[in-house]
Amino acid sequence: AAPGEYAELLVALDLLEEYAGPGRPGNVYDRVAREAVRPDGGRVRAWVYLAAAPLARRLAQTGTEIPGGDWLRR
């Protein structure tokens, strides 16, 4: 996204991922900054959405682990 559209894009992604802000009890996912590796090997800062505590607990108890952790290759 173009720099001027970045905030608007985050708002749309937050709605999609049911993220209402840091530490909010209703979050399904939490948005956190992580380092990502680009296909060319370069490293960039990226926002990722991780399961919030209630969902993470439920997934740990009842979810199905994806071998290798790559859900695109499952």
N, C-alpha and C. Protein backbone atom coordinates (compact mmCIF):
# COMPACT_ATOMS: atom_id res chain seq x y z
N ALA A 1 0.84 -1.19 0.00
CA ALA A 1 0.00 0.00 0.00
C ALA A 1 0.88 1.24 0.00
N ALA A 2 0.38 2.28 -0.59
CA ALA A 2 1.08 3.56 -0.59
C ALA A 2 1.09 4.10 0.83
N PRO A 3 2.14 4.85 1.21
CA PRO A 3 2.24 5.35 2.59
C PRO A 3 0.97 6.05 3.08
N GLY A 4 0.30 6.82 2.23
CA GLY A 4 -0.91 7.52 2.64
C GLY A 4 -2.09 6.60 2.88
N GLU A 5 -2.03 5.38 2.37
CA GLU A 5 -3.12 4.43 2.53
C GLU A 5 -2.87 3.42 3.63
N TYR A 6 -1.70 3.47 4.26
CA TYR A 6 -1.31 2.46 5.23
C TYR A 6 -2.25 2.42 6.44
N ALA A 7 -2.59 3.58 6.99
CA ALA A 7 -3.47 3.62 8.16
C ALA A 7 -4.85 3.05 7.80
N GLU A 8 -5.34 3.38 6.62
CA GLU A 8 -6.64 2.88 6.18
C GLU A 8 -6.61 1.35 6.01
N LEU A 9 -5.51 0.84 5.48
CA LEU A 9 -5.35 -0.60 5.32
C LEU A 9 -5.33 -1.31 6.68
N LEU A 10 -4.61 -0.74 7.66
CA LEU A 10 -4.58 -1.34 9.00
C LEU A 10 -5.97 -1.37 9.62
N VAL A 11 -6.75 -0.33 9.43
CA VAL A 11 -8.12 -0.31 9.97
C VAL A 11 -8.92 -1.46 9.36
N ALA A 12 -8.80 -1.67 8.05
CA ALA A 12 -9.54 -2.75 7.39
C ALA A 12 -9.07 -4.12 7.89
N LEU A 13 -7.74 -4.29 8.02
CA LEU A 13 -7.22 -5.57 8.51
C LEU A 13 -7.63 -5.82 9.96
N ASP A 14 -7.60 -4.77 10.79
CA ASP A 14 -8.02 -4.91 12.18
C ASP A 14 -9.47 -5.38 12.28
N LEU A 15 -10.33 -4.83 11.44
CA LEU A 15 -11.73 -5.27 11.43
C LEU A 15 -11.83 -6.73 11.01
N LEU A 16 -11.11 -7.10 9.97
CA LEU A 16 -11.13 -8.48 9.49
C LEU A 16 -10.67 -9.45 10.56
N GLU A 17 -9.62 -9.09 11.28
CA GLU A 17 -9.02 -9.97 12.29
C GLU A 17 -9.62 -9.79 13.68
N GLU A 18 -10.65 -8.98 13.80
CA GLU A 18 -11.35 -8.72 15.06
C GLU A 18 -10.39 -8.25 16.15
N TYR A 19 -9.58 -7.25 15.78
CA TYR A 19 -8.60 -6.64 16.68
C TYR A 19 -9.07 -5.22 16.99
N ALA A 20 -9.32 -4.94 18.28
CA ALA A 20 -9.86 -3.64 18.68
C ALA A 20 -8.81 -2.72 19.30
N GLY A 21 -7.59 -3.18 19.46
CA GLY A 21 -6.53 -2.37 20.05
C GLY A 21 -5.74 -3.18 21.06
N PRO A 22 -4.57 -2.68 21.45
CA PRO A 22 -3.70 -3.42 22.37
C PRO A 22 -4.39 -3.79 23.68
N GLY A 23 -4.32 -5.08 24.02
CA GLY A 23 -4.82 -5.54 25.32
C GLY A 23 -6.32 -5.55 25.49
N ARG A 24 -7.08 -5.33 24.43
CA ARG A 24 -8.54 -5.30 24.56
C ARG A 24 -9.07 -6.71 24.77
N PRO A 25 -9.95 -6.93 25.75
CA PRO A 25 -10.42 -8.28 26.07
C PRO A 25 -11.22 -8.94 24.95
N GLY A 26 -11.82 -8.20 24.05
CA GLY A 26 -12.61 -8.78 22.99
C GLY A 26 -11.81 -9.18 21.76
N ASN A 27 -10.51 -8.95 21.77
CA ASN A 27 -9.69 -9.29 20.59
C ASN A 27 -9.72 -10.79 20.33
N VAL A 28 -9.94 -11.15 19.07
CA VAL A 28 -9.79 -12.54 18.65
C VAL A 28 -8.32 -12.76 18.31
N TYR A 29 -7.72 -11.76 17.68
CA TYR A 29 -6.29 -11.78 17.35
C TYR A 29 -5.65 -10.52 17.88
N ASP A 30 -4.36 -10.57 18.14
CA ASP A 30 -3.58 -9.40 18.54
C ASP A 30 -2.63 -9.05 17.40
N ARG A 31 -2.49 -7.77 17.11
CA ARG A 31 -1.57 -7.30 16.07
C ARG A 31 -0.23 -6.98 16.72
N VAL A 32 0.84 -7.60 16.23
CA VAL A 32 2.18 -7.38 16.77
C VAL A 32 3.17 -7.19 15.62
N ALA A 33 4.23 -6.43 15.89
CA ALA A 33 5.28 -6.22 14.89
C ALA A 33 6.28 -7.36 14.98
N ARG A 34 6.67 -7.87 13.82
CA ARG A 34 7.67 -8.93 13.74
C ARG A 34 8.58 -8.64 12.56
N GLU A 35 9.75 -9.25 12.58
CA GLU A 35 10.64 -9.16 11.44
C GLU A 35 10.24 -10.24 10.45
N ALA A 36 10.12 -9.86 9.18
CA ALA A 36 9.77 -10.82 8.13
C ALA A 36 10.91 -10.87 7.12
N VAL A 37 11.07 -12.02 6.50
CA VAL A 37 12.11 -12.20 5.49
C VAL A 37 11.45 -12.18 4.12
N ARG A 38 11.91 -11.28 3.27
CA ARG A 38 11.38 -11.17 1.91
C ARG A 38 11.97 -12.27 1.03
N PRO A 39 11.35 -12.56 -0.11
CA PRO A 39 11.89 -13.59 -1.00
C PRO A 39 13.34 -13.35 -1.42
N ASP A 40 13.75 -12.08 -1.48
CA ASP A 40 15.13 -11.77 -1.86
C ASP A 40 16.10 -11.87 -0.68
N GLY A 41 15.59 -12.26 0.49
CA GLY A 41 16.43 -12.40 1.68
C GLY A 41 16.49 -11.16 2.55
N GLY A 42 15.98 -10.04 2.04
CA GLY A 42 15.95 -8.81 2.83
C GLY A 42 14.99 -8.94 4.00
N ARG A 43 15.23 -8.17 5.02
CA ARG A 43 14.37 -8.23 6.21
C ARG A 43 13.61 -6.92 6.36
N VAL A 44 12.34 -7.03 6.72
CA VAL A 44 11.47 -5.87 6.90
C VAL A 44 10.63 -6.06 8.15
N ARG A 45 10.15 -4.95 8.70
CA ARG A 45 9.21 -5.00 9.83
C ARG A 45 7.82 -5.20 9.24
N ALA A 46 7.06 -6.12 9.83
CA ALA A 46 5.71 -6.40 9.34
C ALA A 46 4.76 -6.58 10.50
N TRP A 47 3.51 -6.19 10.29
CA TRP A 47 2.47 -6.47 11.27
C TRP A 47 1.95 -7.87 11.03
N VAL A 48 1.79 -8.64 12.09
CA VAL A 48 1.18 -9.97 12.00
C VAL A 48 0.09 -10.07 13.06
N TYR A 49 -0.87 -10.91 12.81
CA TYR A 49 -1.96 -11.13 13.76
C TYR A 49 -1.80 -12.51 14.36
N LEU A 50 -1.69 -12.55 15.68
CA LEU A 50 -1.54 -13.80 16.41
C LEU A 50 -2.79 -14.03 17.26
N ALA A 51 -3.14 -15.27 17.46
CA ALA A 51 -4.32 -15.60 18.27
C ALA A 51 -4.19 -14.96 19.65
N ALA A 52 -5.22 -14.24 20.07
CA ALA A 52 -5.26 -13.66 21.42
C ALA A 52 -5.39 -14.81 22.42
N ALA A 53 -5.10 -14.53 23.68
CA ALA A 53 -5.01 -15.56 24.72
C ALA A 53 -6.20 -16.54 24.75
N PRO A 54 -7.47 -16.06 24.74
CA PRO A 54 -8.57 -17.03 24.81
C PRO A 54 -8.60 -17.98 23.61
N LEU A 55 -8.36 -17.46 22.42
CA LEU A 55 -8.34 -18.30 21.23
C LEU A 55 -7.13 -19.22 21.26
N ALA A 56 -5.98 -18.72 21.66
CA ALA A 56 -4.76 -19.54 21.73
C ALA A 56 -4.97 -20.73 22.68
N ARG A 57 -5.62 -20.48 23.81
CA ARG A 57 -5.90 -21.58 24.76
C ARG A 57 -6.81 -22.63 24.12
N ARG A 58 -7.87 -22.15 23.47
CA ARG A 58 -8.82 -23.08 22.85
C ARG A 58 -8.14 -23.89 21.74
N LEU A 59 -7.32 -23.23 20.92
CA LEU A 59 -6.62 -23.94 19.86
C LEU A 59 -5.63 -24.97 20.42
N ALA A 60 -4.96 -24.62 21.52
CA ALA A 60 -4.01 -25.56 22.14
C ALA A 60 -4.73 -26.81 22.63
N GLN A 61 -5.98 -26.65 23.07
CA GLN A 61 -6.74 -27.78 23.61
C GLN A 61 -7.45 -28.60 22.52
N THR A 62 -7.95 -27.92 21.49
CA THR A 62 -8.82 -28.61 20.53
C THR A 62 -8.37 -28.50 19.08
N GLY A 63 -7.36 -27.70 18.80
CA GLY A 63 -6.93 -27.49 17.42
C GLY A 63 -6.13 -28.65 16.88
N THR A 64 -5.90 -28.61 15.58
CA THR A 64 -5.10 -29.62 14.90
C THR A 64 -3.80 -28.96 14.45
N GLU A 65 -2.68 -29.48 14.93
CA GLU A 65 -1.39 -28.91 14.56
C GLU A 65 -1.09 -29.18 13.09
N ILE A 66 -0.55 -28.18 12.42
CA ILE A 66 -0.17 -28.32 11.02
C ILE A 66 1.31 -28.70 10.98
N PRO A 67 1.64 -29.87 10.45
CA PRO A 67 3.04 -30.30 10.40
C PRO A 67 3.92 -29.25 9.72
N GLY A 68 5.00 -28.86 10.39
CA GLY A 68 5.91 -27.86 9.85
C GLY A 68 5.42 -26.43 10.00
N GLY A 69 4.16 -26.25 10.41
CA GLY A 69 3.63 -24.92 10.65
C GLY A 69 3.28 -24.11 9.40
N ASP A 70 3.36 -24.69 8.21
CA ASP A 70 3.09 -23.97 6.97
C ASP A 70 1.69 -24.33 6.49
N TRP A 71 0.71 -23.46 6.80
CA TRP A 71 -0.67 -23.78 6.47
C TRP A 71 -0.93 -23.72 4.96
N LEU A 72 -0.08 -23.04 4.20
CA LEU A 72 -0.26 -23.02 2.75
C LEU A 72 0.06 -24.37 2.12
N ARG A 73 0.94 -25.13 2.77
CA ARG A 73 1.33 -26.44 2.23
C ARG A 73 0.57 -27.60 2.86
N ARG A 74 -0.34 -27.32 3.76
CA ARG A 74 -1.04 -28.41 4.46
C ARG A 74 -1.77 -29.22 3.49
